[in-house]
Amino acid sequence: MPERPHALSQEWRNLTLMHWEVEPKHLIPYLPDGLELDLFEGKAYVGTIPFQMKNVRPRLLPPIPGISNFPEFNIRTYVTKDGKGGVLFLTLDAHSRVTCSYAPYAYGLPYRYAKCNFSKKDDYYTWSSKRESDGVVLRGEAKATGELMKAKPGSLEEFLFERYSLYVEYKGTLQIAHTQHDPWTFQEGEATLEKNSLTEKYNLGIEDVLKPDLVHLSDGVYVHTWPIELAERINPKDTRDYLFLDGDCGLCHRLATFIDKRIAKGKELGYRPILDKDAQRVISTLPQNIQNADSVYLIRNGKPYIRSSAGIRTLLYMRWYYRIWYPFVWLIPLPIRDIGYRFVAKYRHRIFSRPEICTFRVD
């Protein structure tokens, strides 16, 4: 998990996890660039999961009545990037207009509003949903039939359930969000589906959407989630923030040296020349307007910053007597800051001579 604090707390409760084996070719069109379909013994799976979201709230804040609890019905498949498995949602239908308005904007998640009902009695779950936009329906019930268990290492259940990240395409960029919870406890079950045009809507080649290949029930888990961040990294195992600099002028040399000698205890910052192949790989995944910027780049907590916004944030890595200037610099309006930045960037080769020996540190 990221070292910074989580953003949201929530509970996923009373889940019916229905899965179908599908041909990989039916899922490929849904994958954003940069993701690969994750297979178990050569087989692909898609899940349709009705459940209850409970006590959804920002960290350290209490739940809000009428907003923090609602039924959700999602369809998901399983993907991987750089060896890190995760979940990709085809849809998340929810009985919450707030969530369906905010989550696509803030996270890029494909939430759609649906009128949903959910009830639980002993080991029986009854649920129904009808999407408002096109009327697709999921209606049925499920019951537990097996003993409580946890997934065995290497099992299909571990492959399907023990996922601690999700991937999403947001503003043309592949992003990842981390989720933290205890390992799942679940039971095998049976589901009786009356109608399932929700799963059928996605043309996944499923012969009978009323008969899932696998059914499991779970009381659920308590969850912490983090905001989305860039999925592309300099190195998948390197969690440092990175500063991408020109690497070919005296100003960038002096800036990197100045920061590096004044890094605060416990802070880490990696450096790369902008034309470095790893830096270019990360930059190529950013939105087009940022890719084309003639600028320094700061990748902080998985988010990109350019020009003066990148420069100012480098103060956050430095000793306290530099960091205290951070809030005051923001008082300068962005247009004025960037005018100053562009002037210096344009004439940097004339103002700052190249050093005789370049000590620009890459790692």
Protein backbone atom coordinates (compact mmCIF):
# COMPACT_ATOMS: atom_id res chain seq x y z
CA MET A 1 0.00 0.00 0.00
CA PRO A 2 1.10 3.62 -0.46
CA GLU A 3 2.90 5.10 2.53
CA ARG A 4 0.64 8.16 2.61
CA PRO A 5 -2.71 7.96 4.46
CA HIS A 6 -5.72 6.41 2.76
CA ALA A 7 -8.46 8.70 1.43
CA LEU A 8 -11.69 6.76 2.04
CA SER A 9 -13.03 4.17 4.46
CA GLN A 10 -15.93 1.93 3.53
CA GLU A 11 -17.44 -1.51 3.98
CA TRP A 12 -18.34 -4.01 1.27
CA ARG A 13 -21.08 -6.18 2.78
CA ASN A 14 -23.34 -9.12 1.88
CA LEU A 15 -21.77 -9.94 -1.46
CA THR A 16 -22.92 -12.48 -4.02
CA LEU A 17 -19.91 -13.16 -6.23
CA MET A 18 -21.07 -14.77 -9.48
CA HIS A 19 -18.48 -15.69 -12.10
CA TRP A 20 -18.53 -16.96 -15.64
CA GLU A 21 -15.61 -18.31 -17.65
CA VAL A 22 -15.36 -16.34 -20.89
CA GLU A 23 -13.23 -16.36 -24.01
CA PRO A 24 -10.44 -13.79 -23.66
CA LYS A 25 -11.27 -12.31 -27.08
CA HIS A 26 -14.57 -10.95 -25.69
CA LEU A 27 -12.78 -8.98 -22.96
CA ILE A 28 -9.87 -7.57 -24.96
CA PRO A 29 -11.95 -4.67 -26.41
CA TYR A 30 -12.61 -3.41 -22.88
CA LEU A 31 -8.94 -3.20 -21.87
CA PRO A 32 -7.28 0.25 -21.79
CA ASP A 33 -3.86 0.53 -23.39
CA GLY A 34 -1.15 -0.74 -21.07
CA LEU A 35 -3.24 -3.44 -19.38
CA GLU A 36 -3.14 -7.17 -19.97
CA LEU A 37 -5.90 -9.65 -19.26
CA ASP A 38 -5.05 -11.79 -16.24
CA LEU A 39 -5.75 -15.50 -16.78
CA PHE A 40 -6.04 -18.44 -14.42
CA GLU A 41 -4.68 -21.59 -16.03
CA GLY A 42 -5.29 -19.96 -19.41
CA LYS A 43 -8.89 -19.03 -18.63
CA ALA A 44 -10.49 -15.58 -18.31
CA TYR A 45 -13.29 -14.77 -15.89
CA VAL A 46 -15.90 -12.06 -15.50
CA GLY A 47 -17.82 -11.42 -12.30
CA THR A 48 -21.23 -9.88 -11.62
CA ILE A 49 -21.47 -8.87 -7.99
CA PRO A 50 -24.49 -7.42 -6.16
CA PHE A 51 -23.68 -6.17 -2.66
CA GLN A 52 -24.12 -3.32 -0.20
CA MET A 53 -21.75 -0.38 0.19
CA LYS A 54 -21.85 0.78 3.79
CA ASN A 55 -20.38 3.69 5.74
CA VAL A 56 -18.55 5.19 2.77
CA ARG A 57 -16.76 8.27 4.06
CA PRO A 58 -13.57 10.31 3.83
CA ARG A 59 -10.83 9.37 6.28
CA LEU A 60 -11.46 10.64 9.84
CA LEU A 61 -15.02 11.75 9.03
CA PRO A 62 -18.27 10.05 10.06
CA PRO A 63 -20.74 8.48 7.61
CA ILE A 64 -23.45 10.74 6.20
CA PRO A 65 -27.05 9.46 6.48
CA GLY A 66 -28.67 8.96 3.10
CA ILE A 67 -25.34 9.10 1.25
CA SER A 68 -22.90 6.64 2.82
CA ASN A 69 -25.02 3.48 2.37
CA PHE A 70 -26.38 2.10 -0.90
CA PRO A 71 -26.65 -1.10 -2.97
CA GLU A 72 -24.15 -1.58 -5.81
CA PHE A 73 -24.12 -4.05 -8.71
CA ASN A 74 -20.83 -4.23 -10.60
CA ILE A 75 -19.32 -6.24 -13.42
CA ARG A 76 -15.58 -6.79 -13.31
CA THR A 77 -12.78 -8.73 -14.88
CA TYR A 78 -9.17 -9.40 -13.91
CA VAL A 79 -6.14 -7.65 -15.31
CA THR A 80 -2.44 -7.16 -14.68
CA LYS A 81 0.28 -4.60 -15.35
CA ASP A 82 3.97 -5.12 -14.68
CA GLY A 83 3.12 -8.21 -12.66
CA LYS A 84 0.62 -6.42 -10.38
CA GLY A 85 -2.83 -7.98 -10.61
CA GLY A 86 -5.97 -5.92 -10.19
CA VAL A 87 -9.60 -5.46 -11.12
CA LEU A 88 -11.07 -3.67 -14.13
CA PHE A 89 -14.72 -2.64 -13.85
CA LEU A 90 -16.95 -2.74 -16.92
CA THR A 91 -19.70 -1.01 -14.96
CA LEU A 92 -20.67 -0.10 -11.41
CA ASP A 93 -24.44 0.38 -11.12
CA ALA A 94 -25.39 2.02 -7.84
CA HIS A 95 -28.43 3.43 -6.09
CA SER A 96 -26.63 6.67 -5.24
CA ARG A 97 -26.80 9.80 -7.36
CA VAL A 98 -23.98 11.38 -5.36
CA THR A 99 -21.62 8.47 -6.03
CA CYS A 100 -22.65 8.20 -9.68
CA SER A 101 -21.89 11.90 -10.16
CA TYR A 102 -18.71 12.17 -8.11
CA ALA A 103 -16.86 8.88 -8.75
CA PRO A 104 -16.59 9.26 -12.57
CA TYR A 105 -15.33 12.82 -12.09
CA ALA A 106 -12.81 12.08 -9.33
CA TYR A 107 -11.76 8.51 -10.17
CA GLY A 108 -12.87 7.83 -13.74
CA LEU A 109 -14.91 4.85 -12.51
CA PRO A 110 -17.83 3.89 -14.81
CA TYR A 111 -20.63 4.41 -12.28
CA ARG A 112 -24.21 4.47 -13.59
CA TYR A 113 -27.32 5.24 -11.62
CA ALA A 114 -29.76 2.36 -11.08
CA LYS A 115 -32.75 1.81 -8.84
CA CYS A 116 -31.66 -1.04 -6.60
CA ASN A 117 -33.17 -3.14 -3.84
CA PHE A 118 -31.28 -5.43 -1.50
CA SER A 119 -32.38 -7.54 1.44
CA LYS A 120 -30.77 -10.18 3.63
CA LYS A 121 -32.44 -12.85 5.74
CA ASP A 122 -30.19 -15.37 7.44
CA ASP A 123 -28.06 -16.86 4.63
CA TYR A 124 -30.36 -15.60 1.84
CA TYR A 125 -29.73 -12.48 -0.22
CA THR A 126 -32.38 -11.01 -2.51
CA TRP A 127 -31.48 -8.25 -4.92
CA SER A 128 -32.69 -6.36 -7.99
CA SER A 129 -31.49 -3.41 -10.02
CA LYS A 130 -32.75 -1.49 -13.03
CA ARG A 131 -30.45 1.01 -14.69
CA GLU A 132 -32.09 4.36 -15.30
CA SER A 133 -30.40 5.16 -18.62
CA ASP A 134 -31.22 2.03 -20.64
CA GLY A 135 -33.33 -0.17 -18.39
CA VAL A 136 -30.93 -3.13 -18.06
CA VAL A 137 -31.90 -5.38 -15.17
CA LEU A 138 -30.35 -7.79 -12.69
CA ARG A 139 -32.81 -9.61 -10.48
CA GLY A 140 -32.43 -12.74 -8.38
CA GLU A 141 -31.47 -14.27 -5.07
CA ALA A 142 -28.67 -16.33 -3.59
CA LYS A 143 -28.07 -18.56 -0.62
CA ALA A 144 -24.99 -20.00 1.06
CA THR A 145 -24.52 -23.77 0.85
CA GLY A 146 -20.97 -24.37 2.07
CA GLU A 147 -18.77 -23.84 5.09
CA LEU A 148 -16.91 -20.63 5.83
CA MET A 149 -13.43 -20.67 4.31
CA LYS A 150 -10.55 -18.58 3.02
CA ALA A 151 -8.83 -18.93 -0.33
CA LYS A 152 -6.01 -21.46 -0.51
CA PRO A 153 -2.73 -20.27 -2.05
CA GLY A 154 -2.75 -20.86 -5.80
CA SER A 155 -6.50 -21.55 -5.94
CA LEU A 156 -9.03 -20.06 -8.32
CA GLU A 157 -10.68 -18.34 -5.35
CA GLU A 158 -7.42 -16.60 -4.48
CA PHE A 159 -7.12 -15.46 -8.10
CA LEU A 160 -10.67 -14.07 -8.10
CA PHE A 161 -10.89 -12.54 -4.62
CA GLU A 162 -7.49 -11.50 -3.33
CA ARG A 163 -7.12 -8.35 -5.42
CA TYR A 164 -5.87 -5.19 -3.77
CA SER A 165 -5.90 -2.69 -6.61
CA LEU A 166 -8.13 -1.51 -9.43
CA TYR A 167 -7.22 -0.02 -12.78
CA VAL A 168 -9.10 2.67 -14.65
CA GLU A 169 -8.56 4.89 -17.67
CA TYR A 170 -8.93 8.49 -16.56
CA LYS A 171 -8.56 11.43 -18.97
CA GLY A 172 -6.71 9.20 -21.41
CA THR A 173 -4.23 7.95 -18.82
CA LEU A 174 -4.05 4.53 -17.19
CA GLN A 175 -4.42 4.92 -13.42
CA ILE A 176 -4.28 2.58 -10.44
CA ALA A 177 -5.98 2.80 -7.03
CA HIS A 178 -5.03 0.66 -4.06
CA THR A 179 -7.49 -1.05 -1.70
CA GLN A 180 -6.58 -2.56 1.65
CA HIS A 181 -8.63 -5.10 3.59
CA ASP A 182 -8.35 -8.43 5.38
CA PRO A 183 -8.35 -11.63 3.30
CA TRP A 184 -11.84 -12.65 2.22
CA THR A 185 -13.93 -15.13 4.20
CA PHE A 186 -16.62 -16.72 2.02
CA GLN A 187 -18.93 -19.66 1.39
CA GLU A 188 -19.89 -21.53 -1.73
CA GLY A 189 -23.46 -20.80 -2.74
CA GLU A 190 -26.31 -21.07 -5.22
CA ALA A 191 -27.89 -18.24 -7.19
CA THR A 192 -31.29 -18.12 -8.85
CA LEU A 193 -31.44 -15.43 -11.50
CA GLU A 194 -34.79 -14.28 -12.88
CA LYS A 195 -33.33 -11.76 -15.31
CA ASN A 196 -29.79 -10.63 -16.14
CA SER A 197 -29.74 -8.18 -19.02
CA LEU A 198 -26.99 -6.36 -17.06
CA THR A 199 -24.34 -9.01 -17.78
CA GLU A 200 -25.86 -9.72 -21.21
CA LYS A 201 -25.43 -6.04 -22.14
CA TYR A 202 -21.65 -6.46 -22.50
CA ASN A 203 -21.64 -9.17 -25.19
CA LEU A 204 -19.15 -11.40 -23.41
CA GLY A 205 -20.06 -14.58 -25.25
CA ILE A 206 -21.74 -16.11 -22.19
CA GLU A 207 -24.15 -18.81 -23.30
CA ASP A 208 -26.47 -18.57 -20.30
CA VAL A 209 -26.31 -15.40 -18.20
CA LEU A 210 -28.83 -16.94 -15.77
CA LYS A 211 -26.45 -19.74 -14.75
CA PRO A 212 -23.09 -18.58 -13.38
CA ASP A 213 -20.26 -21.10 -13.36
CA LEU A 214 -19.25 -20.16 -9.79
CA VAL A 215 -21.22 -18.66 -6.91
CA HIS A 216 -19.79 -17.52 -3.58
CA LEU A 217 -21.30 -15.48 -0.76
CA SER A 218 -19.42 -13.32 1.73
CA ASP A 219 -20.37 -11.17 4.69
CA GLY A 220 -17.75 -8.75 3.40
CA VAL A 221 -14.77 -6.70 4.52
CA TYR A 222 -13.80 -3.32 5.97
CA VAL A 223 -11.82 -1.38 3.36
CA HIS A 224 -9.37 1.51 3.05
CA THR A 225 -8.92 3.02 -0.40
CA TRP A 226 -6.41 5.46 -1.88
CA PRO A 227 -6.88 8.00 -4.70
CA ILE A 228 -5.99 7.00 -8.24
CA GLU A 229 -2.43 7.59 -9.43
CA LEU A 230 -0.36 6.92 -12.54
CA ALA A 231 -0.06 3.22 -13.24
CA GLU A 232 3.14 3.73 -15.25
CA ARG A 233 6.23 4.00 -13.06
CA ILE A 234 9.97 4.35 -13.59
CA ASN A 235 10.21 0.93 -11.97
CA PRO A 236 7.21 -1.06 -10.66
CA LYS A 237 9.06 -1.66 -7.37
CA ASP A 238 10.25 1.94 -6.99
CA THR A 239 7.76 3.97 -4.95
CA ARG A 240 9.77 7.20 -4.93
CA ASP A 241 8.53 10.44 -6.43
CA TYR A 242 10.51 11.59 -9.48
CA LEU A 243 11.68 14.88 -10.91
CA PHE A 244 12.35 14.92 -14.67
CA LEU A 245 14.75 17.69 -15.70
CA ASP A 246 16.36 18.81 -18.94
CA GLY A 247 19.67 17.25 -17.94
CA ASP A 248 21.49 19.28 -20.57
CA CYS A 249 21.86 22.74 -19.10
CA GLY A 250 23.48 24.50 -16.18
CA LEU A 251 20.14 25.44 -14.60
CA CYS A 252 18.88 21.87 -14.34
CA HIS A 253 22.27 20.72 -13.08
CA ARG A 254 22.29 23.40 -10.39
CA LEU A 255 18.65 22.78 -9.44
CA ALA A 256 19.14 19.03 -8.98
CA THR A 257 22.31 19.59 -6.98
CA PHE A 258 20.70 22.31 -4.84
CA ILE A 259 17.70 20.13 -3.95
CA ASP A 260 19.73 16.98 -3.42
CA LYS A 261 22.01 18.62 -0.86
CA ARG A 262 19.04 19.93 1.12
CA ILE A 263 16.71 16.93 1.15
CA ALA A 264 14.93 16.57 4.49
CA LYS A 265 15.46 13.49 6.63
CA GLY A 266 13.11 10.70 5.57
CA LYS A 267 12.33 12.30 2.19
CA GLU A 268 13.24 10.66 -1.11
CA LEU A 269 13.25 12.05 -4.62
CA GLY A 270 14.52 10.36 -7.75
CA TYR A 271 15.84 12.22 -10.80
CA ARG A 272 15.85 11.49 -14.51
CA PRO A 273 16.78 13.52 -17.59
CA ILE A 274 13.61 14.14 -19.58
CA LEU A 275 15.06 12.32 -22.60
CA ASP A 276 15.86 9.23 -20.53
CA LYS A 277 13.92 6.26 -21.94
CA ASP A 278 12.23 5.53 -18.60
CA ALA A 279 11.18 9.16 -18.19
CA GLN A 280 9.88 9.24 -21.76
CA ARG A 281 7.87 6.07 -21.14
CA VAL A 282 6.13 7.69 -18.17
CA ILE A 283 5.61 11.01 -19.97
CA SER A 284 4.10 9.21 -22.98
CA THR A 285 1.22 7.98 -20.79
CA LEU A 286 0.24 11.47 -19.59
CA PRO A 287 -2.56 13.57 -21.12
CA GLN A 288 -1.56 15.05 -24.48
CA ASN A 289 -1.36 18.65 -23.28
CA ILE A 290 1.10 17.63 -20.55
CA GLN A 291 3.13 15.41 -22.87
CA ASN A 292 3.71 18.33 -25.21
CA ALA A 293 4.74 20.81 -22.52
CA ASP A 294 8.30 22.11 -22.67
CA SER A 295 8.72 21.75 -18.96
CA VAL A 296 10.17 20.03 -15.95
CA TYR A 297 7.96 17.24 -14.63
CA LEU A 298 7.37 16.22 -11.05
CA ILE A 299 5.60 12.91 -10.42
CA ARG A 300 4.38 13.24 -6.82
CA ASN A 301 2.15 10.60 -5.21
CA GLY A 302 1.47 9.29 -8.70
CA LYS A 303 0.25 12.64 -10.05
CA PRO A 304 2.07 14.78 -12.64
CA TYR A 305 2.91 18.45 -12.19
CA ILE A 306 4.64 20.75 -14.67
CA ARG A 307 6.23 24.19 -14.89
CA SER A 308 5.98 26.36 -11.76
CA SER A 309 3.60 23.89 -10.07
CA ALA A 310 6.32 21.25 -10.27
CA GLY A 311 9.03 23.61 -9.09
CA ILE A 312 7.11 24.85 -6.07
CA ARG A 313 6.31 21.33 -4.91
CA THR A 314 10.00 20.45 -4.77
CA LEU A 315 10.07 22.59 -1.59
CA LEU A 316 8.09 19.80 0.11
CA TYR A 317 11.11 17.48 -0.07
CA MET A 318 13.52 19.97 1.49
CA ARG A 319 14.43 20.90 5.05
CA TRP A 320 11.88 22.74 7.17
CA TYR A 321 13.27 26.22 6.59
CA TYR A 322 12.63 25.75 2.88
CA ARG A 323 9.24 24.06 3.32
CA ILE A 324 7.86 27.02 5.30
CA TRP A 325 7.93 29.06 2.08
CA TYR A 326 5.60 26.61 0.32
CA PRO A 327 2.22 28.19 1.28
CA PHE A 328 3.47 31.72 0.60
CA VAL A 329 4.67 30.99 -2.94
CA TRP A 330 1.17 29.82 -3.84
CA LEU A 331 -0.09 33.36 -3.22
CA ILE A 332 1.48 34.33 -6.56
CA PRO A 333 -1.19 33.77 -9.25
CA LEU A 334 -0.50 30.86 -11.60
CA PRO A 335 -0.35 32.96 -14.82
CA ILE A 336 2.31 35.21 -13.30
CA ARG A 337 4.30 32.22 -11.96
CA ASP A 338 4.26 30.52 -15.33
CA ILE A 339 5.26 33.68 -17.19
CA GLY A 340 8.34 33.81 -14.99
CA TYR A 341 8.94 30.11 -15.50
CA ARG A 342 8.70 30.38 -19.31
CA PHE A 343 11.07 33.36 -19.38
CA VAL A 344 13.73 31.50 -17.40
CA ALA A 345 13.19 28.31 -19.42
CA LYS A 346 13.57 30.18 -22.72
CA TYR A 347 16.85 31.86 -21.82
CA ARG A 348 18.30 29.26 -19.46
CA HIS A 349 21.12 28.30 -21.84
CA ARG A 350 22.27 31.91 -22.03
CA ILE A 351 21.98 32.64 -18.32
CA PHE A 352 23.40 29.42 -16.89
CA SER A 353 26.58 28.02 -18.37
CA ARG A 354 26.97 24.25 -18.58
CA PRO A 355 29.09 22.76 -15.79
CA GLU A 356 32.48 21.37 -16.75
CA ILE A 357 31.58 18.11 -14.99
CA CYS A 358 27.93 17.08 -14.88
CA THR A 359 27.04 15.51 -11.55
CA PHE A 360 23.35 15.17 -12.34
CA ARG A 361 22.36 12.21 -10.18
CA VAL A 362 20.09 9.63 -11.85
CA ASP A 363 19.57 7.35 -8.82
